[in-house]
């Protein structure tokens, strides 16, 4: 039997952290506006912990619930009706995520979603802008500089953010790299920088090891980002639900397409473009320097696949083809991209294609035609919903241990 939710370990959530996210954020901002800097710091730091825990739960439950299958969960045959099957799978995933969250010790905290403007303050890192000033007022200068860096890295065109950061950089006591750490940066950012430093020093063995780990962590972070894109569709009339489902799917796909840009690192005030292609470009050179052509060639092919407009990647690939044949690398398969690069490229390309098709369908689909084409008894929708709730609740109760 496949599990639809992660197994959570028992732990106690502090009462003040377990307040609803919206409550913590509102109290923090109100304290900030009234000049109560310690109160602002207290509530906003707890709000950040709350938000991170909520995102962790969403990501974990979302990843596990991708296997939701309406046919297995309710024991119904959907042969000949793929549209209804898809709707059912979407509902199964939504209920699975909902119940998975409820089973987590922290999950009951934010069952009622915060207002979108509250979520926006976390997604745009505005919370860190509040914190940097509150820290500054409390003479916690290093924390202030870290908060300023964290806010700036997501708001590169914000002059106010840049001015704040430049001020902190001018302070002689803040002369360490840790003083300007992005507190929201994924682990692979630091790995990437370590790999590049080793590459520039000519330590290619360390560079290869570190950048390979960077890629592994990037793909994991990308999957987590995609899991956070899922938002359940509100239940409504079946035919309206069908269109709402399509709109929700497109929103999820568009969100997924933004993940690469969202999680890529900022280097010297610039968002690093074509990040994965750059990683493979470093790898192909380092592997080549180590004399490992069997790894260098697929890395070069991967860099070109992910950044086909790059003249450097194209030139590198031509070099490997010309020299590789002389060295006996004459199999066409030798010059294929790596499987991880190919999988990632195909996935992102599929997202782009589905978004374009989905938008066209929504803009051109005639709702009367959809109703006639589906020809579904409205009672079936309610029946499916009831069965999903019952079956998945039973499964989660058995499989998730607190």
Foldseek 3Di string as FASTA:
>chain_A
DAAQADADDDDDDDPLLLAALQVLCVQLVVCLVVVVLVSNLVSLVSSVVSVVVQLVLLLRNLVSNLPQFLCVLQVDDCPPFVLVRVVLSLLLSVLSSLLNLVPDNSSVSCNPPDDVVSVVCVLLLVSLVSNLVSCVVVVVLLSNLQSLLQNCFSVLPDVVSVVSNVVSVPDPVPPDPSSNHNPPAFPLVVLQVVLVVCLVVVVLVSNLVSLVVSVVSLVVQLSSQLSSLQDRFDDDQPLVVSLSVLVSVLSSLVSSLCSVQSRAGADPSHGDPLRQLVSLVSNLVSCVVVVNLLSNQLSLLLSCLSPVVDPVSVVVNVVCVVVVVVVPVPDPVSNHHDPVSVVVSVVSVVSVVSSVVSVVCSVPPDSVVVCVVNVDDRVVVVVSSVSSNVSSSVSCVVPHDD
